[in-house]
């Protein structure tokens, strides 16, 4: 079983208009605190990400924010973080998030959330990391995306083994359990192990 000491959460800088998504983001923050899993995230107090962070901190959990310097303002940064890491740019931020995390969970969000999710999946497909990637599908938010991924497999643009890199569940506790039991595919067709 995989030990998850830290999880990076990708999610919206807006709250959206579905109360259940807000509720589940707060449940996730509380569960991370309960399981003593450090939250790694974008560092903002805004939107869904702010809800996750505040819930984690309010339940005596640990939260680390990673933010590029150009976004670092008092209006954006969560004031109660255990650590705030400042990067030079967005690329460096994503690399640092990957380095500091044992796994990833994506909640509902917009373009930025999708971009982070697909980049971290692509890095896994390329063999750059072998960490579990979870998708919290609250109220069917990601049903169409999941169907699109299956369509990509059907049409020959995505291998089933790479499709399985994304772990889905609508329940926070079940998603965490699936991530702990994740077995990575170590036979990337793109990259060979070092020194071979």
N, C-alpha and C. Protein backbone atom coordinates (compact mmCIF):
# COMPACT_ATOMS: atom_id res chain seq x y z
N UNK A 1 0.85 -1.20 0.00
CA UNK A 1 0.00 0.00 0.00
C UNK A 1 0.88 1.24 0.00
N UNK A 2 0.55 2.19 -0.86
CA UNK A 2 1.33 3.41 -1.00
C UNK A 2 1.10 4.34 0.18
N UNK A 3 2.20 4.92 0.70
CA UNK A 3 2.10 5.91 1.77
C UNK A 3 1.98 7.30 1.16
N UNK A 4 0.93 8.00 1.52
CA UNK A 4 0.68 9.34 1.01
C UNK A 4 0.89 10.35 2.14
N UNK A 5 2.08 10.92 2.20
CA UNK A 5 2.36 11.93 3.22
C UNK A 5 1.93 13.32 2.77
N UNK A 6 1.82 13.51 1.46
CA UNK A 6 1.40 14.80 0.92
C UNK A 6 0.62 14.59 -0.37
N UNK A 7 -0.41 15.38 -0.56
CA UNK A 7 -1.22 15.32 -1.78
C UNK A 7 -1.39 16.71 -2.33
N UNK A 8 -1.14 16.84 -3.62
CA UNK A 8 -1.37 18.10 -4.32
C UNK A 8 -2.81 18.12 -4.83
N UNK A 9 -3.51 19.20 -4.54
CA UNK A 9 -4.90 19.35 -4.96
C UNK A 9 -4.99 20.43 -6.04
N UNK A 10 -5.53 20.03 -7.20
CA UNK A 10 -5.82 20.96 -8.29
C UNK A 10 -7.31 21.28 -8.23
N UNK A 11 -7.67 22.55 -8.25
CA UNK A 11 -9.09 22.91 -8.19
C UNK A 11 -9.27 24.38 -8.53
N UNK A 12 -10.53 24.81 -8.57
CA UNK A 12 -10.86 26.12 -9.06
C UNK A 12 -10.52 27.27 -8.13
N UNK A 13 -10.20 28.41 -8.73
CA UNK A 13 -10.03 29.66 -7.98
C UNK A 13 -11.38 30.36 -7.80
N UNK A 14 -12.43 29.76 -8.36
CA UNK A 14 -13.81 30.19 -8.12
C UNK A 14 -14.53 29.10 -7.35
N UNK A 15 -15.65 29.46 -6.73
CA UNK A 15 -16.41 28.47 -5.96
C UNK A 15 -17.47 27.78 -6.80
N UNK A 16 -17.78 28.34 -7.98
CA UNK A 16 -18.85 27.76 -8.77
C UNK A 16 -20.20 28.02 -8.14
N UNK A 17 -21.21 27.26 -8.59
CA UNK A 17 -22.57 27.49 -8.08
C UNK A 17 -23.24 26.21 -7.57
N UNK A 18 -22.44 25.18 -7.26
CA UNK A 18 -22.96 23.92 -6.74
C UNK A 18 -22.53 23.76 -5.29
N UNK A 19 -23.47 23.89 -4.34
CA UNK A 19 -23.11 23.78 -2.92
C UNK A 19 -22.44 22.46 -2.55
N UNK A 20 -22.76 21.39 -3.27
CA UNK A 20 -22.17 20.09 -2.95
C UNK A 20 -20.69 20.05 -3.29
N UNK A 21 -20.28 20.77 -4.34
CA UNK A 21 -18.86 20.85 -4.67
C UNK A 21 -18.10 21.58 -3.57
N UNK A 22 -18.67 22.65 -3.05
CA UNK A 22 -18.06 23.35 -1.92
C UNK A 22 -17.97 22.43 -0.71
N UNK A 23 -19.06 21.71 -0.45
CA UNK A 23 -19.10 20.79 0.69
C UNK A 23 -18.03 19.70 0.57
N UNK A 24 -17.90 19.12 -0.61
CA UNK A 24 -16.91 18.04 -0.81
C UNK A 24 -15.48 18.56 -0.73
N UNK A 25 -15.26 19.80 -1.14
CA UNK A 25 -13.92 20.37 -1.02
C UNK A 25 -13.54 20.52 0.45
N UNK A 26 -14.50 20.89 1.27
CA UNK A 26 -14.24 21.02 2.71
C UNK A 26 -14.07 19.65 3.35
N UNK A 27 -14.81 18.67 2.89
CA UNK A 27 -14.64 17.30 3.38
C UNK A 27 -13.24 16.79 3.05
N UNK A 28 -12.77 17.08 1.83
CA UNK A 28 -11.43 16.65 1.44
C UNK A 28 -10.38 17.28 2.35
N UNK A 29 -10.50 18.59 2.60
CA UNK A 29 -9.54 19.25 3.49
C UNK A 29 -9.51 18.62 4.87
N UNK A 30 -10.69 18.30 5.40
CA UNK A 30 -10.78 17.68 6.73
C UNK A 30 -10.19 16.27 6.72
N UNK A 31 -10.42 15.51 5.64
CA UNK A 31 -9.88 14.15 5.55
C UNK A 31 -8.36 14.15 5.45
N UNK A 32 -7.81 15.11 4.69
CA UNK A 32 -6.36 15.21 4.61
C UNK A 32 -5.77 15.46 6.00
N UNK A 33 -6.41 16.36 6.75
CA UNK A 33 -5.95 16.65 8.11
C UNK A 33 -6.05 15.40 9.00
N UNK A 34 -7.19 14.71 8.91
CA UNK A 34 -7.42 13.51 9.72
C UNK A 34 -6.36 12.45 9.46
N UNK A 35 -5.98 12.27 8.20
CA UNK A 35 -5.00 11.24 7.83
C UNK A 35 -3.56 11.76 7.88
N UNK A 36 -3.39 12.98 8.38
CA UNK A 36 -2.06 13.61 8.51
C UNK A 36 -1.34 13.67 7.17
N UNK A 37 -2.11 14.02 6.14
CA UNK A 37 -1.57 14.20 4.79
C UNK A 37 -1.45 15.70 4.54
N UNK A 38 -0.24 16.16 4.25
CA UNK A 38 -0.02 17.58 3.98
C UNK A 38 -0.67 17.98 2.66
N UNK A 39 -1.41 19.07 2.68
CA UNK A 39 -2.01 19.63 1.46
C UNK A 39 -0.97 20.48 0.74
N UNK A 40 -0.74 20.15 -0.53
CA UNK A 40 0.09 20.97 -1.41
C UNK A 40 -0.87 21.56 -2.45
N UNK A 41 -0.84 22.89 -2.62
CA UNK A 41 -1.80 23.49 -3.57
C UNK A 41 -1.29 24.86 -4.02
N UNK A 42 -2.10 25.57 -4.77
CA UNK A 42 -1.67 26.83 -5.39
C UNK A 42 -1.44 27.98 -4.42
N UNK A 43 -1.88 27.85 -3.19
CA UNK A 43 -1.59 28.87 -2.18
C UNK A 43 -2.63 29.95 -2.00
N UNK A 44 -3.74 29.86 -2.70
CA UNK A 44 -4.73 30.93 -2.66
C UNK A 44 -5.77 30.72 -1.56
N UNK A 45 -6.36 31.84 -1.13
CA UNK A 45 -7.49 31.77 -0.19
C UNK A 45 -8.82 31.87 -0.94
N UNK A 46 -8.76 31.94 -2.26
CA UNK A 46 -9.96 32.14 -3.07
C UNK A 46 -10.55 30.82 -3.56
N UNK A 47 -11.84 30.82 -3.83
CA UNK A 47 -12.51 29.71 -4.51
C UNK A 47 -12.47 28.38 -3.76
N UNK A 48 -12.60 27.31 -4.56
CA UNK A 48 -12.59 25.96 -4.01
C UNK A 48 -11.26 25.68 -3.32
N UNK A 49 -10.16 26.18 -3.89
CA UNK A 49 -8.86 25.90 -3.28
C UNK A 49 -8.76 26.52 -1.89
N UNK A 50 -9.35 27.70 -1.72
CA UNK A 50 -9.36 28.32 -0.40
C UNK A 50 -10.18 27.52 0.59
N UNK A 51 -11.28 26.94 0.11
CA UNK A 51 -12.13 26.10 0.97
C UNK A 51 -11.39 24.85 1.44
N UNK A 52 -10.68 24.20 0.52
CA UNK A 52 -9.91 23.00 0.87
C UNK A 52 -8.86 23.35 1.92
N UNK A 53 -8.11 24.42 1.66
CA UNK A 53 -7.03 24.81 2.56
C UNK A 53 -7.55 25.18 3.95
N UNK A 54 -8.62 25.99 3.99
CA UNK A 54 -9.14 26.43 5.28
C UNK A 54 -9.68 25.26 6.08
N UNK A 55 -10.34 24.32 5.41
CA UNK A 55 -10.86 23.14 6.11
C UNK A 55 -9.71 22.30 6.66
N UNK A 56 -8.66 22.13 5.87
CA UNK A 56 -7.50 21.37 6.32
C UNK A 56 -6.88 22.03 7.55
N UNK A 57 -6.65 23.33 7.47
CA UNK A 57 -6.03 24.06 8.58
C UNK A 57 -6.92 24.10 9.82
N UNK A 58 -8.23 24.24 9.61
CA UNK A 58 -9.17 24.31 10.74
C UNK A 58 -9.26 22.99 11.48
N UNK A 59 -8.85 21.90 10.82
CA UNK A 59 -8.86 20.58 11.44
C UNK A 59 -7.45 20.14 11.84
N UNK A 60 -6.60 21.14 12.08
CA UNK A 60 -5.22 20.92 12.55
C UNK A 60 -4.35 20.20 11.54
N UNK A 61 -4.66 20.38 10.25
CA UNK A 61 -3.83 19.82 9.21
C UNK A 61 -2.75 20.80 8.79
N UNK A 62 -1.92 20.37 7.84
CA UNK A 62 -0.82 21.19 7.36
C UNK A 62 -1.05 21.53 5.89
N UNK A 63 -0.86 22.79 5.53
CA UNK A 63 -1.07 23.23 4.15
C UNK A 63 0.13 24.03 3.65
N UNK A 64 0.59 23.67 2.47
CA UNK A 64 1.72 24.35 1.83
C UNK A 64 1.24 24.94 0.51
N UNK A 65 1.44 26.22 0.33
CA UNK A 65 1.07 26.89 -0.91
C UNK A 65 2.28 27.12 -1.79
N UNK A 66 2.08 27.00 -3.10
CA UNK A 66 3.14 27.26 -4.07
C UNK A 66 2.59 28.25 -5.08
N UNK A 67 3.26 29.38 -5.22
CA UNK A 67 2.70 30.45 -6.03
C UNK A 67 3.82 31.19 -6.77
N UNK A 68 3.59 31.55 -8.03
CA UNK A 68 4.59 32.37 -8.74
C UNK A 68 4.57 33.80 -8.20
N UNK A 69 5.72 34.45 -8.24
CA UNK A 69 5.84 35.78 -7.65
C UNK A 69 4.84 36.78 -8.16
N UNK A 70 4.48 36.72 -9.45
CA UNK A 70 3.58 37.74 -10.00
C UNK A 70 2.15 37.63 -9.48
N UNK A 71 1.80 36.50 -8.84
CA UNK A 71 0.47 36.33 -8.27
C UNK A 71 0.44 36.55 -6.75
N UNK A 72 1.60 36.80 -6.18
CA UNK A 72 1.73 36.84 -4.72
C UNK A 72 1.26 38.19 -4.17
N UNK A 73 -0.03 38.27 -3.86
CA UNK A 73 -0.60 39.47 -3.24
C UNK A 73 -1.40 39.07 -2.02
N UNK A 74 -1.63 40.04 -1.14
CA UNK A 74 -2.37 39.74 0.09
C UNK A 74 -3.80 39.31 -0.20
N UNK A 75 -4.35 39.77 -1.33
CA UNK A 75 -5.73 39.43 -1.66
C UNK A 75 -5.86 37.97 -2.08
N UNK A 76 -4.76 37.41 -2.59
CA UNK A 76 -4.81 36.04 -3.11
C UNK A 76 -4.28 35.02 -2.12
N UNK A 77 -3.12 35.27 -1.52
CA UNK A 77 -2.44 34.27 -0.69
C UNK A 77 -3.21 34.00 0.60
N UNK A 78 -3.35 32.72 0.94
CA UNK A 78 -3.99 32.34 2.20
C UNK A 78 -3.06 32.72 3.35
N UNK A 79 -3.57 33.47 4.35
CA UNK A 79 -2.70 33.98 5.42
C UNK A 79 -2.29 32.94 6.46
N UNK A 80 -2.93 31.76 6.47
CA UNK A 80 -2.67 30.81 7.54
C UNK A 80 -1.82 29.61 7.18
N UNK A 81 -1.16 29.66 6.03
CA UNK A 81 -0.40 28.50 5.55
C UNK A 81 0.81 28.19 6.42
N UNK A 82 1.14 26.91 6.49
CA UNK A 82 2.34 26.49 7.22
C UNK A 82 3.61 26.87 6.46
N UNK A 83 3.50 26.90 5.14
CA UNK A 83 4.64 27.27 4.30
C UNK A 83 4.13 27.84 2.99
N UNK A 84 4.80 28.88 2.50
CA UNK A 84 4.49 29.44 1.20
C UNK A 84 5.77 29.44 0.37
N UNK A 85 5.74 28.73 -0.75
CA UNK A 85 6.89 28.64 -1.65
C UNK A 85 6.62 29.55 -2.84
N UNK A 86 7.56 30.45 -3.12
CA UNK A 86 7.42 31.36 -4.25
C UNK A 86 8.31 30.89 -5.40
N UNK A 87 7.72 30.82 -6.59
CA UNK A 87 8.47 30.40 -7.77
C UNK A 87 8.58 31.55 -8.76
N UNK A 88 9.46 31.39 -9.75
CA UNK A 88 9.66 32.44 -10.75
C UNK A 88 8.54 32.49 -11.78
N UNK A 89 7.92 31.33 -12.04
CA UNK A 89 6.90 31.27 -13.10
C UNK A 89 5.97 30.09 -12.89
N UNK A 90 5.00 29.93 -13.78
CA UNK A 90 4.00 28.89 -13.66
C UNK A 90 4.61 27.49 -13.86
N UNK A 91 5.53 27.38 -14.80
CA UNK A 91 6.17 26.08 -15.05
C UNK A 91 6.90 25.59 -13.81
N UNK A 92 7.65 26.48 -13.19
CA UNK A 92 8.40 26.11 -11.99
C UNK A 92 7.45 25.74 -10.86
N UNK A 93 6.31 26.43 -10.80
CA UNK A 93 5.31 26.12 -9.78
C UNK A 93 4.83 24.68 -9.92
N UNK A 94 4.47 24.26 -11.15
CA UNK A 94 3.97 22.90 -11.37
C UNK A 94 5.03 21.85 -11.06
N UNK A 95 6.28 22.16 -11.42
CA UNK A 95 7.36 21.22 -11.12
C UNK A 95 7.53 21.08 -9.62
N UNK A 96 7.48 22.18 -8.90
CA UNK A 96 7.63 22.14 -7.44
C UNK A 96 6.46 21.39 -6.80
N UNK A 97 5.25 21.60 -7.31
CA UNK A 97 4.08 20.87 -6.79
C UNK A 97 4.26 19.37 -6.96
N UNK A 98 4.78 18.98 -8.13
CA UNK A 98 5.01 17.57 -8.40
C UNK A 98 6.08 17.00 -7.47
N UNK A 99 7.14 17.74 -7.28
CA UNK A 99 8.25 17.27 -6.45
C UNK A 99 7.85 17.11 -4.99
N UNK A 100 6.97 17.97 -4.51
CA UNK A 100 6.62 17.97 -3.08
C UNK A 100 5.46 17.04 -2.73
N UNK A 101 4.87 16.40 -3.75
CA UNK A 101 3.65 15.62 -3.53
C UNK A 101 3.85 14.12 -3.76
N UNK A 102 3.11 13.33 -3.00
CA UNK A 102 3.10 11.87 -3.18
C UNK A 102 1.94 11.42 -4.05
N UNK A 103 1.04 12.33 -4.37
CA UNK A 103 -0.12 12.02 -5.19
C UNK A 103 -0.86 13.30 -5.51
N UNK A 104 -1.91 13.18 -6.34
CA UNK A 104 -2.64 14.35 -6.83
C UNK A 104 -4.13 14.06 -6.84
N UNK A 105 -4.91 15.07 -6.46
CA UNK A 105 -6.37 14.97 -6.55
C UNK A 105 -6.89 16.22 -7.26
N UNK A 106 -7.76 16.01 -8.25
CA UNK A 106 -8.36 17.12 -8.97
C UNK A 106 -9.83 17.23 -8.59
N UNK A 107 -10.22 18.41 -8.16
CA UNK A 107 -11.61 18.76 -7.89
C UNK A 107 -12.12 19.59 -9.07
N UNK A 108 -13.39 19.95 -9.07
CA UNK A 108 -13.90 20.81 -10.14
C UNK A 108 -13.13 22.12 -10.26
N UNK A 109 -13.04 22.61 -11.48
CA UNK A 109 -12.35 23.87 -11.74
C UNK A 109 -12.48 24.24 -13.20
N UNK A 110 -11.70 25.23 -13.61
CA UNK A 110 -11.75 25.72 -14.98
C UNK A 110 -10.53 25.35 -15.78
N UNK A 111 -10.13 26.23 -16.70
CA UNK A 111 -9.01 25.95 -17.60
C UNK A 111 -7.72 25.58 -16.85
N UNK A 112 -7.40 26.36 -15.81
CA UNK A 112 -6.16 26.11 -15.07
C UNK A 112 -6.14 24.74 -14.42
N UNK A 113 -7.28 24.32 -13.89
CA UNK A 113 -7.40 23.01 -13.25
C UNK A 113 -7.21 21.90 -14.28
N UNK A 114 -7.85 22.05 -15.44
CA UNK A 114 -7.71 21.04 -16.49
C UNK A 114 -6.27 20.97 -16.98
N UNK A 115 -5.65 22.13 -17.15
CA UNK A 115 -4.27 22.18 -17.63
C UNK A 115 -3.33 21.45 -16.67
N UNK A 116 -3.51 21.67 -15.38
CA UNK A 116 -2.67 21.01 -14.37
C UNK A 116 -2.91 19.50 -14.38
N UNK A 117 -4.17 19.10 -14.45
CA UNK A 117 -4.50 17.67 -14.46
C UNK A 117 -3.86 16.97 -15.65
N UNK A 118 -4.04 17.52 -16.84
CA UNK A 118 -3.54 16.83 -18.02
C UNK A 118 -2.02 16.87 -18.12
N UNK A 119 -1.40 17.91 -17.59
CA UNK A 119 0.06 17.92 -17.60
C UNK A 119 0.61 16.85 -16.65
N UNK A 120 0.01 16.70 -15.48
CA UNK A 120 0.53 15.73 -14.52
C UNK A 120 0.26 14.30 -15.01
N UNK A 121 -0.85 14.08 -15.73
CA UNK A 121 -1.10 12.76 -16.34
C UNK A 121 -0.08 12.49 -17.43
N UNK A 122 0.20 13.50 -18.25
CA UNK A 122 1.17 13.34 -19.33
C UNK A 122 2.55 13.02 -18.77
N UNK A 123 2.94 13.68 -17.69
CA UNK A 123 4.23 13.38 -17.05
C UNK A 123 4.27 11.94 -16.57
N UNK A 124 3.15 11.45 -16.06
CA UNK A 124 3.09 10.05 -15.62
C UNK A 124 3.21 9.11 -16.82
N UNK A 125 2.48 9.42 -17.89
CA UNK A 125 2.53 8.60 -19.11
C UNK A 125 3.96 8.53 -19.66
N UNK A 126 4.70 9.62 -19.51
CA UNK A 126 6.07 9.67 -20.01
C UNK A 126 7.07 9.04 -19.04
N UNK A 127 6.59 8.63 -17.89
CA UNK A 127 7.48 8.01 -16.91
C UNK A 127 8.24 8.98 -16.04
N UNK A 128 7.84 10.27 -16.04
CA UNK A 128 8.53 11.26 -15.23
C UNK A 128 8.17 11.17 -13.76
N UNK A 129 7.05 10.54 -13.45
CA UNK A 129 6.70 10.21 -12.07
C UNK A 129 5.76 9.01 -12.11
N UNK A 130 5.59 8.35 -10.96
CA UNK A 130 4.71 7.18 -10.88
C UNK A 130 3.76 7.33 -9.68
N UNK A 131 3.23 8.53 -9.52
CA UNK A 131 2.37 8.84 -8.38
C UNK A 131 0.90 8.73 -8.77
N UNK A 132 0.05 8.36 -7.81
CA UNK A 132 -1.39 8.23 -8.13
C UNK A 132 -2.05 9.58 -8.41
N UNK A 133 -2.95 9.56 -9.38
CA UNK A 133 -3.66 10.78 -9.79
C UNK A 133 -5.16 10.52 -9.65
N UNK A 134 -5.80 11.24 -8.74
CA UNK A 134 -7.22 11.03 -8.47
C UNK A 134 -8.10 12.14 -9.01
N UNK A 135 -9.32 11.78 -9.36
CA UNK A 135 -10.32 12.73 -9.84
C UNK A 135 -11.55 12.59 -8.96
N UNK A 136 -11.87 13.66 -8.21
CA UNK A 136 -13.05 13.64 -7.35
C UNK A 136 -14.25 14.13 -8.17
N UNK A 137 -15.08 13.19 -8.58
CA UNK A 137 -16.17 13.47 -9.52
C UNK A 137 -17.47 13.80 -8.77
N UNK A 138 -17.48 14.96 -8.14
CA UNK A 138 -18.64 15.38 -7.34
C UNK A 138 -19.83 15.74 -8.23
N UNK A 139 -20.98 15.16 -7.92
CA UNK A 139 -22.23 15.45 -8.65
C UNK A 139 -22.07 15.29 -10.16
N UNK A 140 -21.23 14.35 -10.57
CA UNK A 140 -21.07 14.08 -11.99
C UNK A 140 -20.36 15.16 -12.77
N UNK A 141 -19.64 16.05 -12.06
CA UNK A 141 -18.98 17.18 -12.74
C UNK A 141 -18.08 16.71 -13.88
N UNK A 142 -17.39 15.58 -13.67
CA UNK A 142 -16.44 15.10 -14.67
C UNK A 142 -16.96 13.95 -15.53
N UNK A 143 -18.27 13.71 -15.50
CA UNK A 143 -18.83 12.60 -16.30
C UNK A 143 -18.48 12.72 -17.78
N UNK A 144 -18.61 13.92 -18.33
CA UNK A 144 -18.35 14.10 -19.76
C UNK A 144 -16.86 13.94 -20.08
N UNK A 145 -16.01 14.40 -19.17
CA UNK A 145 -14.57 14.23 -19.37
C UNK A 145 -14.20 12.75 -19.35
N UNK A 146 -14.76 12.02 -18.40
CA UNK A 146 -14.50 10.57 -18.30
C UNK A 146 -14.96 9.87 -19.57
N UNK A 147 -16.14 10.26 -20.06
CA UNK A 147 -16.65 9.67 -21.32
C UNK A 147 -15.72 10.00 -22.48
N UNK A 148 -15.17 11.23 -22.49
CA UNK A 148 -14.26 11.63 -23.56
C UNK A 148 -12.98 10.80 -23.53
N UNK A 149 -12.46 10.54 -22.34
CA UNK A 149 -11.26 9.70 -22.22
C UNK A 149 -11.52 8.29 -22.75
N UNK A 150 -12.70 7.76 -22.42
CA UNK A 150 -13.06 6.42 -22.92
C UNK A 150 -13.21 6.44 -24.45
N UNK A 151 -13.72 7.54 -24.97
CA UNK A 151 -13.84 7.69 -26.42
C UNK A 151 -12.46 7.73 -27.09
N UNK A 152 -11.51 8.36 -26.43
CA UNK A 152 -10.14 8.41 -26.94
C UNK A 152 -9.53 7.01 -27.03
N UNK A 153 -9.86 6.18 -26.04
CA UNK A 153 -9.40 4.78 -26.07
C UNK A 153 -10.06 4.06 -27.24
N UNK A 154 -11.38 4.19 -27.36
CA UNK A 154 -12.14 3.52 -28.41
C UNK A 154 -11.62 3.89 -29.80
N UNK A 155 -11.24 5.14 -29.98
CA UNK A 155 -10.80 5.62 -31.29
C UNK A 155 -9.29 5.50 -31.51
N UNK A 156 -8.61 4.89 -30.56
CA UNK A 156 -7.20 4.59 -30.76
C UNK A 156 -6.23 5.71 -30.49
N UNK A 157 -6.65 6.76 -29.77
CA UNK A 157 -5.75 7.86 -29.46
C UNK A 157 -5.16 7.76 -28.05
N UNK A 158 -5.66 6.83 -27.26
CA UNK A 158 -5.20 6.67 -25.88
C UNK A 158 -5.18 5.18 -25.55
N UNK A 159 -4.05 4.72 -25.05
CA UNK A 159 -3.95 3.32 -24.65
C UNK A 159 -4.70 3.10 -23.34
N UNK A 160 -5.33 1.94 -23.20
CA UNK A 160 -6.08 1.65 -21.99
C UNK A 160 -5.21 1.75 -20.74
N UNK A 161 -3.96 1.30 -20.85
CA UNK A 161 -3.07 1.35 -19.69
C UNK A 161 -2.81 2.79 -19.25
N UNK A 162 -2.80 3.72 -20.20
CA UNK A 162 -2.63 5.13 -19.84
C UNK A 162 -3.95 5.75 -19.37
N UNK A 163 -5.05 5.27 -19.91
CA UNK A 163 -6.36 5.70 -19.41
C UNK A 163 -6.50 5.38 -17.92
N UNK A 164 -5.92 4.26 -17.52
CA UNK A 164 -6.04 3.81 -16.13
C UNK A 164 -5.14 4.59 -15.16
N UNK A 165 -4.36 5.52 -15.69
CA UNK A 165 -3.56 6.38 -14.81
C UNK A 165 -4.43 7.32 -14.00
N UNK A 166 -5.66 7.57 -14.48
CA UNK A 166 -6.58 8.47 -13.78
C UNK A 166 -7.57 7.65 -12.96
N UNK A 167 -7.55 7.87 -11.66
CA UNK A 167 -8.40 7.14 -10.71
C UNK A 167 -9.59 8.02 -10.36
N UNK A 168 -10.80 7.49 -10.49
CA UNK A 168 -11.98 8.32 -10.24
C UNK A 168 -12.85 7.77 -9.11
N UNK A 169 -13.47 8.68 -8.38
CA UNK A 169 -14.52 8.31 -7.42
C UNK A 169 -15.25 9.58 -7.01
N UNK A 170 -16.48 9.42 -6.57
CA UNK A 170 -17.26 10.56 -6.10
C UNK A 170 -17.15 10.73 -4.58
N UNK A 171 -16.52 9.76 -3.92
CA UNK A 171 -16.39 9.75 -2.47
C UNK A 171 -14.94 9.98 -2.08
N UNK A 172 -14.69 10.94 -1.21
CA UNK A 172 -13.32 11.32 -0.84
C UNK A 172 -12.56 10.15 -0.23
N UNK A 173 -13.17 9.48 0.73
CA UNK A 173 -12.47 8.38 1.43
C UNK A 173 -12.17 7.22 0.47
N UNK A 174 -13.11 6.89 -0.39
CA UNK A 174 -12.89 5.81 -1.35
C UNK A 174 -11.80 6.18 -2.36
N UNK A 175 -11.77 7.45 -2.76
CA UNK A 175 -10.75 7.90 -3.70
C UNK A 175 -9.36 7.79 -3.07
N UNK A 176 -9.24 8.20 -1.82
CA UNK A 176 -7.95 8.10 -1.12
C UNK A 176 -7.51 6.64 -1.01
N UNK A 177 -8.46 5.75 -0.75
CA UNK A 177 -8.13 4.33 -0.62
C UNK A 177 -7.65 3.77 -1.96
N UNK A 178 -8.31 4.14 -3.04
CA UNK A 178 -7.89 3.69 -4.37
C UNK A 178 -6.49 4.20 -4.69
N UNK A 179 -6.20 5.43 -4.30
CA UNK A 179 -4.89 6.01 -4.57
C UNK A 179 -3.79 5.28 -3.79
N UNK A 180 -4.11 4.90 -2.58
CA UNK A 180 -3.12 4.17 -1.77
C UNK A 180 -2.82 2.81 -2.37
N UNK A 181 -3.78 2.24 -3.08
CA UNK A 181 -3.61 0.91 -3.69
C UNK A 181 -3.16 0.97 -5.14
N UNK A 182 -2.86 2.14 -5.63
CA UNK A 182 -2.45 2.32 -7.02
C UNK A 182 -1.12 1.63 -7.31
N UNK A 183 -1.09 0.87 -8.41
CA UNK A 183 0.14 0.21 -8.85
C UNK A 183 0.56 0.83 -10.18
N UNK A 184 1.66 1.56 -10.21
CA UNK A 184 2.06 2.24 -11.44
C UNK A 184 2.56 1.28 -12.51
N UNK A 185 2.36 1.66 -13.76
CA UNK A 185 2.92 0.91 -14.88
C UNK A 185 4.34 1.42 -15.10
N UNK A 186 5.32 0.59 -14.84
CA UNK A 186 6.72 1.02 -14.91
C UNK A 186 7.34 0.75 -16.27
N UNK A 187 6.51 0.38 -17.25
CA UNK A 187 7.02 0.04 -18.58
C UNK A 187 6.67 1.13 -19.60
N UNK A 188 7.07 2.36 -19.30
CA UNK A 188 6.80 3.46 -20.23
C UNK A 188 7.46 3.20 -21.57
N UNK A 189 6.72 3.41 -22.66
CA UNK A 189 7.30 3.21 -23.99
C UNK A 189 8.17 4.40 -24.39
N UNK A 190 8.06 5.50 -23.63
CA UNK A 190 8.78 6.71 -23.99
C UNK A 190 10.16 6.80 -23.35
N UNK A 191 10.24 6.41 -22.10
CA UNK A 191 11.48 6.59 -21.37
C UNK A 191 12.00 5.27 -20.81
N UNK A 192 13.28 5.07 -20.91
CA UNK A 192 13.91 3.91 -20.30
C UNK A 192 14.48 4.32 -18.96
N UNK A 193 14.61 3.37 -18.02
CA UNK A 193 15.22 3.70 -16.75
C UNK A 193 16.63 4.24 -16.96
N UNK A 194 17.08 5.09 -16.04
CA UNK A 194 18.41 5.66 -16.15
C UNK A 194 19.48 4.58 -16.08
N UNK A 195 20.57 4.82 -16.77
CA UNK A 195 21.73 3.94 -16.76
C UNK A 195 21.47 2.57 -17.36
N UNK A 196 20.56 2.50 -18.35
CA UNK A 196 20.34 1.21 -19.03
C UNK A 196 20.70 1.36 -20.50
